[in-house]
Amino acid sequence: MVALVRCLALLLALAGVAAATAAPTPVTTRPWQEVVVSVTDLERTARFFREIGGYEEKWRGALDPAEIAAWSLPAAAGGEALLLGPPGQGTGLVRLVRFDDAGRREPMRPGARAWDTGCYFSIMIRMKDMQAIYDDAIALGWWTETPITDLVFGSSKLKVVVYRGPDGVQVQGYERLSPPLPEAIPPFERMTGPFNMMQMVRDRDAAYAFYTDVLGFATFYKGKPYLAETPEYMPLGIPVNLTTEIPYRAGIVYPVPGEFGRMETIEIMGLEGRDYADRCTAPNLGILAVRFPVADAERAAQQVTARGWPLARPPARFPLAPYGPVEAFQVKTPDGAIIEFYTVSGEAVTASAPAAAGLPRAAGSPLASGFFTSPGRAP
């Protein structure tokens, strides 16, 4: 009998350890819906996505006073939004927002380089015919962090460049020359919808812990520090003579496996720049937020706080066209970037529900992310 009691106690103890180390339930099981970009002129920034990427207008209109209040802006403020995306795609969209009479607007990452931390660094988009896109972008008045860079990762050959447009908005484009892209990526002529968001962080491990332990996201990649064996040109812009001395480490997570809805963090180790984590807020200019749909905003907010992370803004209700009335709350990553989780009123979302029409997904599909080599993963 004593032996049986000891056995049961051991089993209970092991069960407790397993429960303590089990991955937390993800706050959402859907990829992010849109990225919100604060700009001074909607049309000026939209030209890149429309004229080069072939994006279409999904919705355009004035900001509702309740949404203005949800951004913690003065009641007298206003503004306008323009929602863009590839034809036929209902998720992975770009929402340009212009805030009016909302106080001083400053760049979130003024003149920032890759080793400056805080907020979002770039919106990541797959592209075709990079040289033609580069020429068109320059003609529109955009610029780049570096020239187009040829990269070879395992069996993958890429061209990568980070474009910088008005208000410091950065779009990281890359073209995979070989092998062909996964079938799960919808056909496109020049640009897909955004699939990943890049953040430059002070501590990759701290950012990774936030995404996995607080938000319950799954790991796509968490690599060791990468250091070039011989001097090489990099899309991150690290001086070529330092690429053998300055390592960087990356992590990529997602709420569900797939080709879209990823969040990436990179820490450049050994180069100290400015930190802009306290500038990631409306009405400042640049990449402002990423929005994820959730089944229940109140419940998701409780999950976050129960895991010891504060809310940047508690659940609030406001109209979010074209989706309808929403309840939404915000959190900030360890480096200040805003993530918003929202529920459309009356929407029933389940773990098995499709993310949105027009966005095929394939679990375990390879990614062409960009800045590092990972054996077994073709970028």
Foldseek 3Di string as FASTA:
>chain_A
DVVVVVVVVVVVVVVVVCVVPDWDQFQALFFFFEFEFFAADPVLVCCLCCVQFVKDWPDKDKFDLQVCVQLVFDSPKIWMKTKIFHPQDRGLIYIYIYIGPRDDAAQLAPVHALQAFFAFQAFEKEFPPVVVSQVVCVVSVKAWLDPFFWDDFPQWTKTWTWIADHSRAIYIYMYIPDDDADPLQDDGDTIHRGAEIEGEHADQVQLVCCCGLQRVWDWPDWDDWDADPAFDDFNSNDPSVCSNPKTKTKTKTASAAWRGRIYMYMYTPPDHDHASLVSQGPPYGYGREIEHEGQDAQVSQVSNVVSPFDWPAHWGWDADPPLGIKTKTWGAGPRNYIYMYIYHPPDHDDSPDDNDGSRGTDGPGAYPDGGDHDPPGHD
